[in-house]
C-alpha atoms as a PDB file:
ATOM      1  CA  MET A   1       0.004  -0.152   0.176  1.00  0.00           C
ATOM      2  CA  ASN A   2       2.111   2.854  -1.329  1.00  0.00           C
ATOM      3  CA  ILE A   3      -1.177   5.348  -0.753  1.00  0.00           C
ATOM      4  CA  CYS A   4      -3.698   5.297   1.769  1.00  0.00           C
ATOM      5  CA  LEU A   5      -7.014   5.672  -0.617  1.00  0.00           C
ATOM      6  CA  PHE A   6     -10.229   6.864   1.163  1.00  0.00           C
ATOM      7  CA  THR A   7     -13.957   7.597  -0.145  1.00  0.00           C
ATOM      8  CA  LYS A   8     -15.105  11.267  -0.265  1.00  0.00           C
ATOM      9  CA  GLU A   9     -17.228  10.549   2.913  1.00  0.00           C
ATOM     10  CA  GLU A  10     -14.225   8.972   4.961  1.00  0.00           C
ATOM     11  CA  ILE A  11     -11.713  11.407   4.054  1.00  0.00           C
ATOM     12  CA  SER A  12     -13.546  13.817   6.630  1.00  0.00           C
ATOM     13  CA  LYS A  13     -13.721  11.352   9.246  1.00  0.00           C
ATOM     14  CA  PRO A  14     -11.553   9.554  11.803  1.00  0.00           C
ATOM     15  CA  LEU A  15     -10.101   6.384  10.679  1.00  0.00           C
ATOM     16  CA  PRO A  16     -11.359   3.548  12.949  1.00  0.00           C
ATOM     17  CA  TYR A  17      -8.494   1.679  14.595  1.00  0.00           C
ATOM     18  CA  LYS A  18      -9.398  -1.839  13.376  1.00  0.00           C
ATOM     19  CA  ASP A  19      -9.407  -0.277  10.017  1.00  0.00           C
ATOM     20  CA  GLU A  20      -7.059  -2.338   7.856  1.00  0.00           C
ATOM     21  CA  ARG A  21      -5.925   0.936   6.596  1.00  0.00           C
ATOM     22  CA  ALA A  22      -5.141   2.038  10.518  1.00  0.00           C
ATOM     23  CA  GLN A  23      -3.529  -0.804  11.104  1.00  0.00           C
ATOM     24  CA  HIS A  24      -1.075  -0.663   7.918  1.00  0.00           C
ATOM     25  CA  LEU A  25      -0.190   2.476   9.111  1.00  0.00           C
ATOM     26  CA  ILE A  26       0.546   1.673  12.737  1.00  0.00           C
ATOM     27  CA  LYS A  27       2.031  -1.658  12.662  1.00  0.00           C
ATOM     28  CA  ILE A  28       3.467  -1.696   8.938  1.00  0.00           C
ATOM     29  CA  LEU A  29       4.776   2.089   8.665  1.00  0.00           C
ATOM     30  CA  HIS A  30       5.185   2.463  12.490  1.00  0.00           C
ATOM     31  CA  LYS A  31       3.427   5.966  11.833  1.00  0.00           C
ATOM     32  CA  LYS A  32       2.861   8.325  15.187  1.00  0.00           C
ATOM     33  CA  GLU A  33       0.844  11.700  16.047  1.00  0.00           C
ATOM     34  CA  GLY A  34       2.519  14.168  14.024  1.00  0.00           C
ATOM     35  CA  ASP A  35       3.748  11.832  11.629  1.00  0.00           C
ATOM     36  CA  SER A  36       2.270  12.204   7.719  1.00  0.00           C
ATOM     37  CA  PHE A  37       1.604   9.835   4.847  1.00  0.00           C
ATOM     38  CA  SER A  38       0.351   9.919   1.342  1.00  0.00           C
ATOM     39  CA  ALA A  39      -3.404   9.724   1.011  1.00  0.00           C
ATOM     40  CA  GLY A  40      -5.775  10.758  -1.833  1.00  0.00           C
ATOM     41  CA  ILE A  41      -9.695  10.428  -2.445  1.00  0.00           C
ATOM     42  CA  ILE A  42     -10.824   7.357  -4.635  1.00  0.00           C
ATOM     43  CA  GLU A  43     -11.162   8.840  -8.331  1.00  0.00           C
ATOM     44  CA  GLY A  44     -10.232  12.387  -6.929  1.00  0.00           C
ATOM     45  CA  LYS A  45      -7.167  14.147  -5.532  1.00  0.00           C
ATOM     46  CA  ALA A  46      -4.225  12.827  -4.197  1.00  0.00           C
ATOM     47  CA  GLY A  47      -2.111  14.657  -1.550  1.00  0.00           C
ATOM     48  CA  THR A  48      -0.322  14.521   2.442  1.00  0.00           C
ATOM     49  CA  ALA A  49      -2.319  13.258   5.200  1.00  0.00           C
ATOM     50  CA  CYS A  50      -1.365  13.997   8.714  1.00  0.00           C
ATOM     51  CA  ILE A  51      -1.781  12.267  11.850  1.00  0.00           C
ATOM     52  CA  THR A  52      -3.498  14.922  14.322  1.00  0.00           C
ATOM     53  CA  LYS A  53      -4.153  12.568  17.382  1.00  0.00           C
ATOM     54  CA  ILE A  54      -3.997   8.670  18.004  1.00  0.00           C
ATOM     55  CA  GLU A  55      -7.159   8.036  20.445  1.00  0.00           C
ATOM     56  CA  THR A  56      -6.973   4.426  22.076  1.00  0.00           C
ATOM     57  CA  PHE A  57      -8.646   2.190  24.696  1.00  0.00           C
ATOM     58  CA  GLU A  58      -8.860  -1.440  25.352  1.00  0.00           C
ATOM     59  CA  THR A  59     -12.420  -2.953  25.199  1.00  0.00           C
ATOM     60  CA  THR A  60     -13.319  -6.555  25.212  1.00  0.00           C
ATOM     61  CA  SER A  61     -15.154  -9.356  23.443  1.00  0.00           C
ATOM     62  CA  SER A  62     -19.010  -9.515  23.765  1.00  0.00           C
ATOM     63  CA  ASP A  63     -17.858 -13.014  25.766  1.00  0.00           C
ATOM     64  CA  GLY A  64     -15.317 -11.267  27.873  1.00  0.00           C
ATOM     65  CA  LYS A  65     -12.742 -13.667  26.891  1.00  0.00           C
ATOM     66  CA  LYS A  66     -10.638 -11.240  24.566  1.00  0.00           C
ATOM     67  CA  THR A  67      -9.223  -8.037  25.062  1.00  0.00           C
ATOM     68  CA  TYR A  68      -8.097  -5.945  22.237  1.00  0.00           C
ATOM     69  CA  THR A  69      -7.382  -2.223  21.124  1.00  0.00           C
ATOM     70  CA  ASP A  70     -10.254  -0.487  20.181  1.00  0.00           C
ATOM     71  CA  GLY A  71     -10.397   3.619  18.904  1.00  0.00           C
ATOM     72  CA  LYS A  72      -9.612   6.154  16.243  1.00  0.00           C
ATOM     73  CA  ILE A  73      -7.035   7.920  14.015  1.00  0.00           C
ATOM     74  CA  TYR A  74      -7.921  11.681  13.526  1.00  0.00           C
ATOM     75  CA  PHE A  75      -5.720  13.240  10.670  1.00  0.00           C
ATOM     76  CA  SER A  76      -5.976  16.051   7.962  1.00  0.00           C
ATOM     77  CA  PHE A  77      -5.678  15.942   4.705  1.00  0.00           C
ATOM     78  CA  THR A  78      -4.181  18.372   2.034  1.00  0.00           C
ATOM     79  CA  PRO A  79      -5.204  17.659  -1.457  1.00  0.00           C
ATOM     80  CA  GLU A  80      -1.964  18.229  -3.886  1.00  0.00           C
ATOM     81  CA  THR A  81      -2.490  16.542  -7.555  1.00  0.00           C
ATOM     82  CA  ASP A  82      -5.442  15.087  -9.338  1.00  0.00           C
ATOM     83  CA  GLY A  83      -3.878  11.997  -9.187  1.00  0.00           C
ATOM     84  CA  LYS A  84      -2.437   9.646 -11.456  1.00  0.00           C
ATOM     85  CA  LEU A  85      -5.101   9.348 -14.528  1.00  0.00           C
ATOM     86  CA  LEU A  86      -5.843   6.441 -16.361  1.00  0.00           C
ATOM     87  CA  HIS A  87      -4.577   5.526 -19.771  1.00  0.00           C
ATOM     88  CA  PRO A  88      -7.369   4.739 -22.392  1.00  0.00           C
ATOM     89  CA  LEU A  89      -6.334   1.114 -22.886  1.00  0.00           C
ATOM     90  CA  LYS A  90      -8.904  -1.680 -22.379  1.00  0.00           C
ATOM     91  CA  LEU A  91      -8.950  -4.981 -22.185  1.00  0.00           C
ATOM     92  CA  ILE A  92     -11.345  -7.849 -22.918  1.00  0.00           C
ATOM     93  CA  VAL A  93     -10.142 -11.001 -21.047  1.00  0.00           C
ATOM     94  CA  GLY A  94     -11.536 -14.653 -21.257  1.00  0.00           C
ATOM     95  CA  PHE A  95     -12.308 -15.398 -17.729  1.00  0.00           C
ATOM     96  CA  PRO A  96      -9.423 -17.024 -16.383  1.00  0.00           C
ATOM     97  CA  ARG A  97      -8.800 -19.108 -13.049  1.00  0.00           C
ATOM     98  CA  PRO A  98      -9.505 -17.123 -10.039  1.00  0.00           C
ATOM     99  CA  ILE A  99      -5.903 -17.473  -8.665  1.00  0.00           C
ATOM    100  CA  GLN A 100      -4.735 -15.972 -11.760  1.00  0.00           C
ATOM    101  CA  LEU A 101      -7.631 -13.198 -11.956  1.00  0.00           C
ATOM    102  CA  LYS A 102      -6.624 -12.064  -8.355  1.00  0.00           C
ATOM    103  CA  ARG A 103      -2.904 -11.240  -9.736  1.00  0.00           C
ATOM    104  CA  LEU A 104      -4.262  -9.823 -13.539  1.00  0.00           C
ATOM    105  CA  LEU A 105      -6.540  -7.451 -11.874  1.00  0.00           C
ATOM    106  CA  ARG A 106      -3.668  -6.004  -9.342  1.00  0.00           C
ATOM    107  CA  ASP A 107      -0.901  -6.297 -12.000  1.00  0.00           C
ATOM    108  CA  VAL A 108      -2.986  -4.031 -14.869  1.00  0.00           C
ATOM    109  CA  ALA A 109      -4.815  -1.517 -12.574  1.00  0.00           C
ATOM    110  CA  GLY A 110      -0.805  -1.022 -11.461  1.00  0.00           C
ATOM    111  CA  LEU A 111      -0.263  -0.313 -14.992  1.00  0.00           C
ATOM    112  CA  GLY A 112      -3.199   2.346 -15.471  1.00  0.00           C
ATOM    113  CA  VAL A 113      -5.287   0.337 -17.751  1.00  0.00           C
ATOM    114  CA  GLU A 114      -8.466   2.195 -17.893  1.00  0.00           C
ATOM    115  CA  GLU A 115     -10.961  -0.976 -18.082  1.00  0.00           C
ATOM    116  CA  VAL A 116     -11.251  -4.640 -17.906  1.00  0.00           C
ATOM    117  CA  HIS A 117     -13.918  -6.502 -19.871  1.00  0.00           C
ATOM    118  CA  LEU A 118     -14.206 -10.373 -18.183  1.00  0.00           C
ATOM    119  CA  THR A 119     -16.047 -12.841 -20.495  1.00  0.00           C
ATOM    120  CA  ALA A 120     -17.452 -16.034 -20.704  1.00  0.00           C
ATOM    121  CA  THR A 121     -15.964 -17.985 -24.056  1.00  0.00           C
ATOM    122  CA  GLU A 122     -16.326 -21.074 -25.575  1.00  0.00           C
ATOM    123  CA  LEU A 123     -13.752 -22.839 -23.072  1.00  0.00           C
ATOM    124  CA  THR A 124     -14.057 -21.023 -20.218  1.00  0.00           C
ATOM    125  CA  GLU A 125     -14.369 -23.391 -17.107  1.00  0.00           C
ATOM    126  CA  LYS A 126     -17.945 -22.941 -15.918  1.00  0.00           C
ATOM    127  CA  SER A 127     -17.293 -22.708 -12.496  1.00  0.00           C
ATOM    128  CA  TYR A 128     -14.734 -19.982 -12.677  1.00  0.00           C
ATOM    129  CA  LEU A 129     -17.820 -17.865 -13.571  1.00  0.00           C
ATOM    130  CA  ASN A 130     -19.597 -19.069 -10.357  1.00  0.00           C
ATOM    131  CA  SER A 131     -16.648 -18.573  -7.992  1.00  0.00           C
ATOM    132  CA  ASP A 132     -17.054 -15.513  -5.136  1.00  0.00           C
ATOM    133  CA  LEU A 133     -14.233 -13.734  -7.663  1.00  0.00           C
ATOM    134  CA  ALA A 134     -16.525 -13.567 -10.545  1.00  0.00           C
ATOM    135  CA  GLN A 135     -18.612 -10.638  -8.927  1.00  0.00           C
ATOM    136  CA  GLU A 136     -17.778  -7.146  -9.943  1.00  0.00           C
ATOM    137  CA  SER A 137     -17.964  -5.951  -6.672  1.00  0.00           C
ATOM    138  CA  GLU A 138     -14.852  -8.728  -5.403  1.00  0.00           C
ATOM    139  CA  CYS A 139     -12.964  -7.743  -8.473  1.00  0.00           C
ATOM    140  CA  TYR A 140     -12.999  -3.874  -7.499  1.00  0.00           C
ATOM    141  CA  LYS A 141     -11.225  -4.934  -4.564  1.00  0.00           C
ATOM    142  CA  MET A 142      -8.523  -6.363  -6.649  1.00  0.00           C
ATOM    143  CA  LEU A 143      -7.863  -3.360  -8.782  1.00  0.00           C
ATOM    144  CA  LEU A 144      -8.331  -0.847  -5.708  1.00  0.00           C
ATOM    145  CA  GLU A 145      -5.173  -2.916  -4.353  1.00  0.00           C
ATOM    146  CA  GLY A 146      -3.391  -2.721  -7.432  1.00  0.00           C
ATOM    147  CA  THR A 147      -4.060   1.090  -7.495  1.00  0.00           C
ATOM    148  CA  GLU A 148      -2.870   1.561  -3.800  1.00  0.00           C
ATOM    149  CA  GLN A 149       0.571  -0.370  -4.780  1.00  0.00           C
ATOM    150  CA  ALA A 150       0.499   2.170  -7.547  1.00  0.00           C
ATOM    151  CA  ALA A 151       0.320   5.402  -5.704  1.00  0.00           C
ATOM    152  CA  SER A 152      -2.737   6.041  -7.571  1.00  0.00           C
ATOM    153  CA  THR A 153      -6.154   7.413  -6.799  1.00  0.00           C
ATOM    154  CA  HIS A 154      -7.689   6.246 -10.035  1.00  0.00           C
ATOM    155  CA  VAL A 155      -9.641   2.589 -10.418  1.00  0.00           C
ATOM    156  CA  PRO A 156      -9.994   0.980 -13.390  1.00  0.00           C
ATOM    157  CA  LYS A 157     -13.384   0.241 -14.491  1.00  0.00           C
ATOM    158  CA  ILE A 158     -14.242  -3.739 -14.411  1.00  0.00           C
ATOM    159  CA  PHE A 159     -17.469  -5.319 -16.230  1.00  0.00           C
ATOM    160  CA  ILE A 160     -18.286  -9.012 -16.548  1.00  0.00           C
ATOM    161  CA  HIS A 161     -20.055 -10.294 -19.716  1.00  0.00           C
ATOM    162  CA  ASP A 162     -21.778 -13.435 -20.080  1.00  0.00           C
ATOM    163  CA  ASP A 163     -21.373 -13.613 -23.695  1.00  0.00           C
ATOM    164  CA  LEU A 164     -17.910 -12.549 -26.311  1.00  0.00           C
ATOM    165  CA  SER A 165     -20.358 -10.609 -28.423  1.00  0.00           C
ATOM    166  CA  LYS A 166     -21.653  -8.163 -25.797  1.00  0.00           C
ATOM    167  CA  ALA A 167     -18.256  -7.554 -24.375  1.00  0.00           C
ATOM    168  CA  ILE A 168     -16.974  -6.603 -28.100  1.00  0.00           C
ATOM    169  CA  ASN A 169     -19.800  -4.526 -28.604  1.00  0.00           C
ATOM    170  CA  SER A 170     -19.574  -2.778 -25.292  1.00  0.00           C
ATOM    171  CA  VAL A 171     -15.948  -2.156 -25.947  1.00  0.00           C
ATOM    172  CA  CYS A 172     -15.707  -1.246 -29.351  1.00  0.00           C
ATOM    173  CA  LYS A 173     -18.879   0.133 -30.360  1.00  0.00           C
ATOM    174  CA  ILE A 174     -20.107   2.037 -27.238  1.00  0.00           C
ATOM    175  CA  ASN A 175     -16.547   3.786 -27.426  1.00  0.00           C
ATOM    176  CA  HIS A 176     -15.895   4.202 -30.905  1.00  0.00           C
ATOM    177  CA  ILE A 177     -12.739   2.374 -31.115  1.00  0.00           C
ATOM    178  CA  GLU A 178     -10.876   2.876 -34.678  1.00  0.00           C
ATOM    179  CA  GLU A 179     -10.353  -0.294 -36.360  1.00  0.00           C
ATOM    180  CA  ASN A 180      -6.555  -0.490 -36.358  1.00  0.00           C
ATOM    181  CA  LYS A 181      -6.774   0.199 -32.891  1.00  0.00           C
ATOM    182  CA  ARG A 182      -8.613  -3.267 -32.188  1.00  0.00           C
ATOM    183  CA  LEU A 183      -6.001  -5.970 -31.067  1.00  0.00           C
ATOM    184  CA  LEU A 184      -6.241  -9.653 -30.933  1.00  0.00           C
ATOM    185  CA  LEU A 185      -3.718 -11.614 -29.121  1.00  0.00           C
ATOM    186  CA  ASP A 186      -3.380 -15.136 -30.470  1.00  0.00           C
ATOM    187  CA  ASN A 187      -0.554 -17.529 -31.361  1.00  0.00           C
ATOM    188  CA  ILE A 188      -2.754 -19.330 -34.381  1.00  0.00           C
ATOM    189  CA  ARG A 189      -2.220 -17.823 -37.388  1.00  0.00           C
ATOM    190  CA  PRO A 190      -1.185 -14.361 -36.198  1.00  0.00           C
ATOM    191  CA  GLN A 191      -1.278 -11.318 -38.923  1.00  0.00           C
ATOM    192  CA  ASN A 192       1.701 -10.123 -37.642  1.00  0.00           C
ATOM    193  CA  ASN A 193       3.707  -9.754 -34.181  1.00  0.00           C
ATOM    194  CA  LEU A 194       2.438  -7.342 -31.422  1.00  0.00           C
ATOM    195  CA  TYR A 195       5.921  -5.336 -31.266  1.00  0.00           C
ATOM    196  CA  ASP A 196       6.170  -4.922 -34.931  1.00  0.00           C
ATOM    197  CA  TYR A 197       2.860  -3.767 -35.426  1.00  0.00           C
ATOM    198  CA  LEU A 198       2.664  -1.080 -32.817  1.00  0.00           C
ATOM    199  CA  GLN A 199       5.883   0.407 -34.122  1.00  0.00           C
ATOM    200  CA  ASN A 200       3.725   1.345 -37.267  1.00  0.00           C
ATOM    201  CA  LEU A 201       0.589   2.357 -35.529  1.00  0.00           C
ATOM    202  CA  SER A 202       0.335   6.249 -34.481  1.00  0.00           C
ATOM    203  CA  LEU A 203      -0.999   6.207 -31.014  1.00  0.00           C
ATOM    204  CA  SER A 204      -1.092   9.277 -28.250  1.00  0.00           C
ATOM    205  CA  ASN A 205      -1.878   8.718 -24.373  1.00  0.00           C
ATOM    206  CA  SER A 206      -5.281   9.821 -25.549  1.00  0.00           C
ATOM    207  CA  THR A 207      -5.710   7.229 -27.962  1.00  0.00           C
ATOM    208  CA  PRO A 208      -8.421   4.791 -27.307  1.00  0.00           C
ATOM    209  CA  VAL A 209      -7.035   0.968 -27.922  1.00  0.00           C
ATOM    210  CA  VAL A 210      -8.370  -2.315 -27.029  1.00  0.00           C
ATOM    211  CA  ALA A 211      -6.742  -5.534 -26.444  1.00  0.00           C
ATOM    212  CA  ALA A 212      -8.335  -9.295 -26.450  1.00  0.00           C
ATOM    213  CA  ILE A 213      -6.435 -12.073 -24.549  1.00  0.00           C
ATOM    214  CA  GLY A 214      -7.837 -15.425 -24.071  1.00  0.00           C
ATOM    215  CA  SER A 215      -8.248 -17.408 -21.230  1.00  0.00           C
ATOM    216  CA  GLU A 216      -5.619 -20.289 -20.337  1.00  0.00           C
ATOM    217  CA  ARG A 217      -7.387 -22.780 -22.837  1.00  0.00           C
ATOM    218  CA  GLY A 218      -7.342 -19.817 -26.035  1.00  0.00           C
ATOM    219  CA  TRP A 219      -9.670 -18.922 -28.364  1.00  0.00           C
ATOM    220  CA  THR A 220     -12.068 -21.181 -30.488  1.00  0.00           C
ATOM    221  CA  GLU A 221     -12.291 -20.839 -34.424  1.00  0.00           C
ATOM    222  CA  ASN A 222     -15.541 -19.535 -34.093  1.00  0.00           C
ATOM    223  CA  GLU A 223     -14.271 -16.544 -31.604  1.00  0.00           C
ATOM    224  CA  ARG A 224     -11.644 -15.654 -33.820  1.00  0.00           C
ATOM    225  CA  LYS A 225     -14.388 -15.170 -36.989  1.00  0.00           C
ATOM    226  CA  LEU A 226     -16.469 -12.892 -34.518  1.00  0.00           C
ATOM    227  CA  PHE A 227     -13.012 -10.725 -33.627  1.00  0.00           C
ATOM    228  CA  LEU A 228     -12.178 -10.814 -37.223  1.00  0.00           C
ATOM    229  CA  GLU A 229     -15.683  -9.767 -38.325  1.00  0.00           C
ATOM    230  CA  ASN A 230     -15.176  -7.074 -36.022  1.00  0.00           C
ATOM    231  CA  ASN A 231     -12.139  -5.714 -37.691  1.00  0.00           C
ATOM    232  CA  PHE A 232      -9.740  -7.007 -35.062  1.00  0.00           C
ATOM    233  CA  THR A 233      -5.954  -7.735 -36.347  1.00  0.00           C
ATOM    234  CA  LEU A 234      -4.545 -10.807 -34.774  1.00  0.00           C
ATOM    235  CA  LEU A 235      -1.056 -10.703 -33.084  1.00  0.00           C
ATOM    236  CA  SER A 236       1.183 -12.692 -31.670  1.00  0.00           C
ATOM    237  CA  MET A 237       3.486 -12.071 -28.676  1.00  0.00           C
ATOM    238  CA  GLY A 238       6.098 -14.933 -29.913  1.00  0.00           C
ATOM    239  CA  SER A 239       5.715 -18.478 -30.184  1.00  0.00           C
ATOM    240  CA  ARG A 240       5.510 -19.777 -26.235  1.00  0.00           C
ATOM    241  CA  VAL A 241       2.107 -19.924 -24.674  1.00  0.00           C
ATOM    242  CA  LEU A 242       2.091 -17.549 -21.808  1.00  0.00           C
ATOM    243  CA  ARG A 243      -0.646 -17.476 -18.943  1.00  0.00           C
ATOM    244  CA  THR A 244      -3.873 -15.321 -19.095  1.00  0.00           C
ATOM    245  CA  GLU A 245      -2.200 -13.078 -16.096  1.00  0.00           C
ATOM    246  CA  THR A 246       1.469 -13.004 -17.998  1.00  0.00           C
ATOM    247  CA  ALA A 247      -0.072 -12.008 -21.564  1.00  0.00           C
ATOM    248  CA  CYS A 248      -2.129  -9.155 -19.777  1.00  0.00           C
ATOM    249  CA  THR A 249       0.580  -7.658 -18.391  1.00  0.00           C
ATOM    250  CA  VAL A 250       3.345  -7.904 -21.562  1.00  0.00           C
ATOM    251  CA  ALA A 251       0.850  -6.770 -23.745  1.00  0.00           C
ATOM    252  CA  SER A 252      -0.349  -3.842 -22.025  1.00  0.00           C
ATOM    253  CA  SER A 253       3.368  -2.692 -20.869  1.00  0.00           C
ATOM    254  CA  LEU A 254       3.694  -2.911 -24.801  1.00  0.00           C
ATOM    255  CA  ILE A 255       0.897  -1.061 -25.817  1.00  0.00           C
ATOM    256  CA  LEU A 256       1.493   1.479 -23.008  1.00  0.00           C
ATOM    257  CA  ALA A 257       5.244   2.264 -24.137  1.00  0.00           C
ATOM    258  CA  ARG A 258       3.794   2.763 -27.430  1.00  0.00           C
ATOM    259  CA  MET A 259       1.496   5.427 -26.079  1.00  0.00           C
ATOM    260  CA  GLY A 260       4.354   7.319 -24.508  1.00  0.00           C
ATOM    261  CA  VAL A 261       3.113   6.730 -20.981  1.00  0.00           C
ATOM    262  CA  LEU A 262       6.042   4.802 -19.437  1.00  0.00           C
ATOM    263  CA  ASN A 263       8.465   7.458 -20.233  1.00  0.00           C
END
């Protein structure tokens, strides 16, 4: 946690001592009264917070068997910047294993991807879609962790689709993404490799791009056909078969570098 994030409602209130953010400040960062720490408002300003008072007291559990410390941390907040804005890269991702999904969401949030569209595919393991993590609220928690790691205040948006065609329509047609900015990562009959393709593509930090990455079993022929019908370009990242979260990180990094936002 490289920044402590609060909602607009929380930023003006004391932080409960048992809150995990308070525990991080006290036990990990060893902050005391008078110390400052990086803080920000989710989807808003980033700045510096100063601890003005730490109020603690001992209390017991309802059954009287346990004693623990409770209280509040009072702080002031001084906004300084607009935070690190997200980049106009949108990902369509075939729903991966839940343990992979956790890493994937943290990493792409850290990179500053704007949107993540998780979608069921023909080869998606149905149990993945029924996992606890297959909920927008749970995915948001992972994206928030990645945002805190990146010391940012802006959290990528998460969308979950039960059909690939819905994901494509949601990303490409609603956002009016240009056809040559629609990239399908696939090592079966690629038209080019991603690195070379990007060298001939005019991108800036305001150019919307969508990249589609399959689940661990990849895309089917029907899905490739659907992407081609929607004017995606099939691109490889070499002959090695990558994990879904690895492919997302590598592809995102190459695209963001071409946008000039990793300078």
